[in-house]
Protein backbone atom coordinates (compact mmCIF):
# COMPACT_ATOMS: atom_id res chain seq x y z
CA MET A 1 -14.05 15.93 -20.96
CA GLN A 2 -16.10 13.28 -19.88
CA ILE A 3 -14.50 11.09 -17.38
CA THR A 4 -15.70 7.18 -16.79
CA ILE A 5 -15.16 5.80 -13.47
CA PRO A 6 -14.39 2.20 -13.17
CA PRO A 7 -17.23 0.41 -11.69
CA HIS A 8 -15.49 -1.65 -8.96
CA LEU A 9 -14.33 2.74 -7.76
CA GLN A 10 -18.02 4.09 -8.10
CA SER A 11 -19.26 3.86 -4.96
CA THR A 12 -15.43 5.40 -3.36
CA TYR A 13 -15.89 8.22 -5.74
CA GLN A 14 -19.40 8.83 -4.67
CA LEU A 15 -18.25 8.62 -1.12
CA ILE A 16 -15.85 11.36 -1.70
CA LYS A 17 -17.89 13.67 -3.97
CA CYS A 18 -20.35 13.60 -0.95
CA ALA A 19 -17.96 14.55 1.44
CA PHE A 20 -15.53 17.14 -0.61
CA PRO A 21 -18.27 18.66 -3.13
CA ASP A 22 -15.62 21.17 -3.71
CA GLY A 23 -12.64 19.35 -3.36
CA ILE A 24 -10.21 18.00 -1.24
CA GLU A 25 -8.87 20.69 1.65
CA ALA A 26 -4.99 19.88 1.95
CA GLU A 27 -5.65 19.12 5.59
CA ASN A 28 -8.23 16.53 4.72
CA TYR A 29 -6.28 15.17 1.48
CA GLU A 30 -3.56 12.86 4.00
CA PRO A 31 -6.01 11.54 6.78
CA LEU A 32 -8.32 10.57 3.59
CA LEU A 33 -5.39 8.60 2.00
CA ALA A 34 -5.28 6.72 5.49
CA ILE A 35 -8.73 6.29 5.67
CA LEU A 36 -9.08 4.90 2.13
CA SER A 37 -5.66 2.29 2.26
CA GLU A 38 -7.00 0.89 5.63
CA GLU A 39 -9.99 -0.72 3.33
CA MET A 40 -8.79 -0.59 -0.55
CA SER A 41 -5.77 -1.66 -2.08
CA ASP A 42 -2.81 1.20 -2.51
CA ARG A 43 -3.49 1.38 -6.30
CA ASN A 44 -7.20 1.23 -5.88
CA VAL A 45 -7.19 4.11 -3.41
CA ALA A 46 -4.30 6.18 -5.78
CA GLU A 47 -7.07 5.39 -8.99
CA VAL A 48 -10.22 6.93 -7.51
CA ILE A 49 -7.98 10.19 -5.74
CA ALA A 50 -6.41 10.65 -9.15
CA TYR A 51 -9.79 10.68 -10.90
CA TYR A 52 -11.36 13.19 -8.46
CA VAL A 53 -8.43 15.36 -8.35
CA GLY A 54 -7.10 15.33 -11.36
CA LYS A 55 -3.53 14.68 -10.58
CA ASP A 56 -1.31 11.78 -12.28
CA TYR A 57 -2.05 8.67 -10.28
CA SER A 58 2.12 7.88 -9.80
CA VAL A 59 1.75 11.17 -7.75
CA ILE A 60 -0.95 10.02 -5.52
CA LEU A 61 0.30 6.14 -5.10
CA ASN A 62 3.23 8.09 -4.01
CA ASP A 63 1.30 10.20 -1.46
CA VAL A 64 -0.47 7.27 -0.30
CA TYR A 65 3.11 5.02 0.33
CA ARG A 66 4.17 8.06 2.37
CA VAL A 67 1.17 8.69 4.09
CA GLN A 68 1.25 4.87 5.65
CA SER A 69 5.43 4.91 6.09
CA ILE A 70 6.44 8.52 7.09
CA ASP A 71 3.94 11.39 7.02
CA ILE A 72 1.19 9.14 9.11
CA PRO A 73 -1.85 11.54 9.91
CA LYS A 74 -2.63 12.06 13.41
CA ALA A 75 -5.78 9.85 14.87
CA GLU A 76 -7.32 13.01 15.80
CA ALA A 77 -7.74 14.16 11.95
CA ILE A 78 -8.66 10.30 11.13
CA ASN A 79 -11.39 10.02 13.74
CA ASN A 80 -12.94 13.44 12.51
CA LEU A 81 -13.04 12.81 8.85
CA LYS A 82 -14.45 9.44 9.77
CA THR A 83 -17.36 11.41 11.21
CA LEU A 84 -17.92 13.45 8.02
CA LEU A 85 -17.38 10.08 5.52
CA LEU A 86 -20.51 8.77 8.37
CA SER A 87 -22.63 11.65 6.83
CA CYS A 88 -21.89 10.84 3.49
CA GLY A 89 -23.01 6.64 3.46
CA TYR A 90 -19.57 5.64 4.91
CA GLN A 91 -20.71 2.58 6.87
CA ASN A 92 -22.71 1.43 3.96
CA TRP A 93 -19.64 1.88 1.72
CA LEU A 94 -17.42 -0.11 4.50
CA ASP A 95 -20.34 -3.11 4.20
CA GLU A 96 -20.33 -3.41 0.28
CA LEU A 97 -16.35 -3.96 0.27
């Protein structure tokens, strides 16, 4: 089955695909949600992650809310992940927003 990513999410999808070509590891999942939700709407974060991991949108959206209020990732984990994302064009992605 071919998935069509909406145009407004394509650059984010490509960023995630570059950083996590074999899927998002558990230890990077929550920091990634936190990083993306700093720049995108909660719904867009949930939508693009749902496309990438193949999970239900509502489950991902609840994870986004949880990361913002209850299980806030450590700054070190976020900074480490930003370093990885920078090698995949994170700065260009930020500049496009």
